[in-house]
Amino acid sequence: MELQLAIGLVWGHLNAYQHEPAYDLAMGCLQLWPGDPWLQLMCDYAAAELMEPVDQERLRALRTPENAQWVDLVLRRLQYRDPIAAGPATGNARP
């Protein structure tokens, strides 16, 4: 129940384009629930918006059929910041 509330709070900040509070809250929540993929994805998205570092290898490892669009979104946001370092968002992207 508490995890669902935490995810909802982070999501609310993201929906309001409040990336810094979303990032701070997600980072704190990940201390309590380090294995939650949804918190991690939202944290990575907020980090990309704030130009904070994102572990792209870990991000790609989180990909599942349910969250593939989230992973692709974060990778696209990272490409805006550094098009070369981010690489293609998906395996079928062309240079």
Protein backbone atom coordinates (compact mmCIF):
# COMPACT_ATOMS: atom_id res chain seq x y z
CA MET A 1 0.00 0.00 0.00
CA GLU A 2 2.79 2.46 0.88
CA LEU A 3 4.67 1.62 -2.32
CA GLN A 4 1.56 2.37 -4.38
CA LEU A 5 1.19 5.71 -2.63
CA ALA A 6 4.85 6.54 -3.26
CA ILE A 7 4.52 5.69 -6.96
CA GLY A 8 1.40 7.85 -7.15
CA LEU A 9 3.17 10.81 -5.56
CA VAL A 10 6.14 10.56 -7.94
CA TRP A 11 3.75 10.19 -10.87
CA GLY A 12 1.82 13.27 -9.73
CA HIS A 13 4.99 15.37 -9.76
CA LEU A 14 5.91 14.08 -13.23
CA ASN A 15 2.42 14.83 -14.53
CA ALA A 16 2.77 18.38 -13.24
CA TYR A 17 6.20 18.73 -14.92
CA GLN A 18 7.77 19.04 -11.47
CA HIS A 19 10.83 17.02 -12.38
CA GLU A 20 13.07 18.07 -9.51
CA PRO A 21 10.62 17.11 -6.74
CA ALA A 22 9.81 13.90 -8.64
CA TYR A 23 13.51 13.04 -8.84
CA ASP A 24 14.15 13.80 -5.18
CA LEU A 25 11.11 11.82 -4.05
CA ALA A 26 11.90 8.87 -6.32
CA MET A 27 15.50 8.77 -5.10
CA GLY A 28 14.26 8.65 -1.50
CA CYS A 29 11.67 6.00 -2.31
CA LEU A 30 14.30 3.87 -4.00
CA GLN A 31 16.11 3.76 -0.67
CA LEU A 32 13.04 1.99 0.76
CA TRP A 33 12.12 -0.06 -2.31
CA PRO A 34 15.35 -0.49 -4.29
CA GLY A 35 14.02 -3.19 -6.57
CA ASP A 36 10.86 -1.50 -7.81
CA PRO A 37 11.14 -1.06 -11.58
CA TRP A 38 8.40 1.59 -11.85
CA LEU A 39 10.03 3.83 -9.28
CA GLN A 40 13.34 3.36 -11.06
CA LEU A 41 11.86 4.22 -14.45
CA MET A 42 10.19 7.35 -13.12
CA CYS A 43 13.41 8.32 -11.36
CA ASP A 44 15.37 7.81 -14.58
CA TYR A 45 12.87 9.90 -16.54
CA ALA A 46 13.09 12.75 -14.04
CA ALA A 47 16.89 12.44 -14.06
CA ALA A 48 16.95 12.69 -17.86
CA GLU A 49 14.77 15.81 -17.71
CA LEU A 50 17.13 17.36 -15.15
CA MET A 51 20.24 16.28 -17.08
CA GLU A 52 21.34 14.04 -14.21
CA PRO A 53 23.23 10.84 -14.98
CA VAL A 54 21.25 7.71 -15.87
CA ASP A 55 22.71 4.21 -15.90
CA GLN A 56 21.65 3.23 -19.41
CA GLU A 57 22.75 -0.38 -19.05
CA ARG A 58 20.49 -0.79 -16.00
CA LEU A 59 17.73 1.11 -17.78
CA ARG A 60 17.87 -1.22 -20.78
CA ALA A 61 17.89 -4.24 -18.44
CA LEU A 62 14.57 -3.04 -16.98
CA ARG A 63 12.83 -3.40 -20.36
CA THR A 64 9.77 -5.68 -20.31
CA PRO A 65 6.78 -5.80 -22.65
CA GLU A 66 4.83 -3.76 -20.07
CA ASN A 67 7.35 -0.93 -19.70
CA ALA A 68 9.18 -0.86 -23.05
CA GLN A 69 7.59 2.49 -23.94
CA TRP A 70 8.87 4.02 -20.67
CA VAL A 71 12.40 2.80 -21.38
CA ASP A 72 12.23 4.17 -24.91
CA LEU A 73 10.93 7.51 -23.61
CA VAL A 74 13.83 7.87 -21.17
CA LEU A 75 16.34 6.92 -23.88
CA ARG A 76 14.83 9.51 -26.24
CA ARG A 77 15.09 12.19 -23.55
CA LEU A 78 18.73 11.24 -23.05
CA GLN A 79 19.33 11.56 -26.80
CA TYR A 80 18.23 15.19 -26.70
CA ARG A 81 20.97 15.84 -24.17
CA ASP A 82 23.73 13.79 -25.81
CA PRO A 83 22.73 12.18 -29.14
CA ILE A 84 25.96 10.18 -29.51
CA ALA A 85 26.22 8.74 -26.00
CA ALA A 86 22.58 7.67 -25.76
CA GLY A 87 22.67 5.53 -28.89
CA PRO A 88 19.48 4.30 -30.55
CA ALA A 89 16.39 4.05 -28.35
CA THR A 90 15.44 0.69 -29.84
CA GLY A 91 17.22 -2.04 -31.70
CA ASN A 92 15.54 -1.15 -35.00
CA ALA A 93 16.39 2.57 -35.06
CA ARG A 94 18.42 3.83 -38.01
CA PRO A 95 21.32 6.32 -37.75
